[in-house]
Amino acid sequence: MKVNVQSVNFDADIKLIEFIQKRLDKLEQYYNKIISADVYLKVQKTSNKENKITEVRLFVPGDDMVATKTCKTFEQCIDECAAALERQLKRRKEKLISH
């Protein structure tokens, strides 16, 4: 799957990009018609420690799936977004099978 990573106001580390690619590739186990994914990484300027925002948009035939999370680290955000997208993909696959 093709993953586009865009980091706003900072440069993403290669290790982070590889982690994102590896984690999102696992989503193809649940639904094999995923076209691509866009990942937006942002850092809020606040005193709060949970200032990392991650938005993942999956492009699937028919419609798109989006998950947005705010956490302390980008890795944690990616894990939570992937878990949310995993649930959405399972629900979509069950809906398609039942029809």
Protein backbone atom coordinates (compact mmCIF):
# COMPACT_ATOMS: atom_id res chain seq x y z
CA MET A 1 0.00 0.00 0.00
CA LYS A 2 1.23 3.49 -0.80
CA VAL A 3 1.50 5.72 2.27
CA ASN A 4 1.99 9.48 1.97
CA VAL A 5 3.34 11.09 5.15
CA GLN A 6 3.08 14.85 5.60
CA SER A 7 4.56 16.48 8.67
CA VAL A 8 3.49 20.04 9.44
CA ASN A 9 6.12 22.45 10.87
CA PHE A 10 8.77 19.74 11.40
CA ASP A 11 10.67 17.01 9.54
CA ALA A 12 9.60 13.44 10.27
CA ASP A 13 12.40 10.98 11.07
CA ILE A 14 12.95 8.06 8.69
CA LYS A 15 12.36 5.62 11.57
CA LEU A 16 8.96 7.20 12.21
CA ILE A 17 8.01 6.96 8.53
CA GLU A 18 9.08 3.29 8.41
CA PHE A 19 7.06 2.61 11.58
CA ILE A 20 3.98 4.23 10.01
CA GLN A 21 4.41 2.22 6.79
CA LYS A 22 4.82 -1.07 8.67
CA ARG A 23 1.84 -0.44 10.97
CA LEU A 24 -0.52 0.61 8.17
CA ASP A 25 0.54 -2.32 5.96
CA LYS A 26 -0.97 -4.60 8.61
CA LEU A 27 -4.41 -3.15 7.84
CA GLU A 28 -4.43 -5.01 4.53
CA GLN A 29 -5.02 -8.22 6.53
CA TYR A 30 -8.52 -6.96 7.33
CA TYR A 31 -9.47 -5.47 3.96
CA ASN A 32 -7.39 -6.06 0.84
CA LYS A 33 -8.87 -3.34 -1.39
CA ILE A 34 -7.11 -0.40 0.29
CA ILE A 35 -5.70 1.90 -2.39
CA SER A 36 -3.49 4.23 -0.36
CA ALA A 37 -3.21 6.19 2.88
CA ASP A 38 -2.44 9.81 3.74
CA VAL A 39 -0.92 10.52 7.15
CA TYR A 40 -0.80 14.05 8.57
CA LEU A 41 1.48 14.66 11.58
CA LYS A 42 1.11 17.92 13.51
CA VAL A 43 2.56 19.32 16.74
CA GLN A 44 0.42 21.78 18.71
CA LYS A 45 2.15 24.61 20.52
CA THR A 46 0.67 24.03 23.99
CA SER A 47 1.96 23.33 27.48
CA ASN A 48 -0.02 20.07 27.48
CA LYS A 49 2.16 16.97 27.02
CA GLU A 50 -0.40 15.40 24.65
CA ASN A 51 0.36 17.78 21.81
CA LYS A 52 0.99 15.37 18.90
CA ILE A 53 -1.92 15.12 16.45
CA THR A 54 -2.11 12.38 13.85
CA GLU A 55 -4.74 12.06 11.15
CA VAL A 56 -4.82 8.96 8.93
CA ARG A 57 -7.04 8.85 5.86
CA LEU A 58 -7.47 5.50 4.09
CA PHE A 59 -8.63 5.52 0.49
CA VAL A 60 -10.95 2.58 -0.12
CA PRO A 61 -13.18 2.08 -3.18
CA GLY A 62 -16.52 3.70 -2.42
CA ASP A 63 -15.48 6.08 0.34
CA ASP A 64 -12.62 7.15 2.61
CA MET A 65 -12.00 6.24 6.23
CA VAL A 66 -10.51 8.76 8.66
CA ALA A 67 -9.08 8.44 12.16
CA THR A 68 -7.68 11.36 14.17
CA LYS A 69 -5.92 10.99 17.53
CA THR A 70 -4.01 13.23 19.94
CA CYS A 71 -1.30 11.62 22.11
CA LYS A 72 2.10 12.12 23.74
CA THR A 73 4.03 10.39 20.93
CA PHE A 74 3.41 9.90 17.23
CA GLU A 75 3.94 6.14 17.61
CA GLN A 76 1.11 5.93 20.14
CA CYS A 77 -1.10 8.04 17.85
CA ILE A 78 -0.40 5.78 14.88
CA ASP A 79 -1.23 2.67 16.94
CA GLU A 80 -4.53 4.17 18.10
CA CYS A 81 -5.44 5.38 14.60
CA ALA A 82 -4.61 1.97 13.14
CA ALA A 83 -6.79 0.27 15.77
CA ALA A 84 -9.69 2.60 14.96
CA LEU A 85 -9.28 2.03 11.22
CA GLU A 86 -9.06 -1.73 11.83
CA ARG A 87 -12.50 -1.62 13.49
CA GLN A 88 -13.90 0.45 10.60
CA LEU A 89 -12.49 -1.97 8.01
CA LYS A 90 -13.91 -5.00 9.83
CA ARG A 91 -17.33 -3.32 10.02
CA ARG A 92 -17.22 -2.45 6.31
CA LYS A 93 -16.20 -5.98 5.33
CA GLU A 94 -19.00 -7.51 7.43
CA LYS A 95 -21.49 -5.14 5.80
CA LEU A 96 -20.31 -6.13 2.31
CA ILE A 97 -20.47 -9.85 3.13
CA SER A 98 -24.00 -9.59 4.53
CA HIS A 99 -25.35 -7.93 1.35
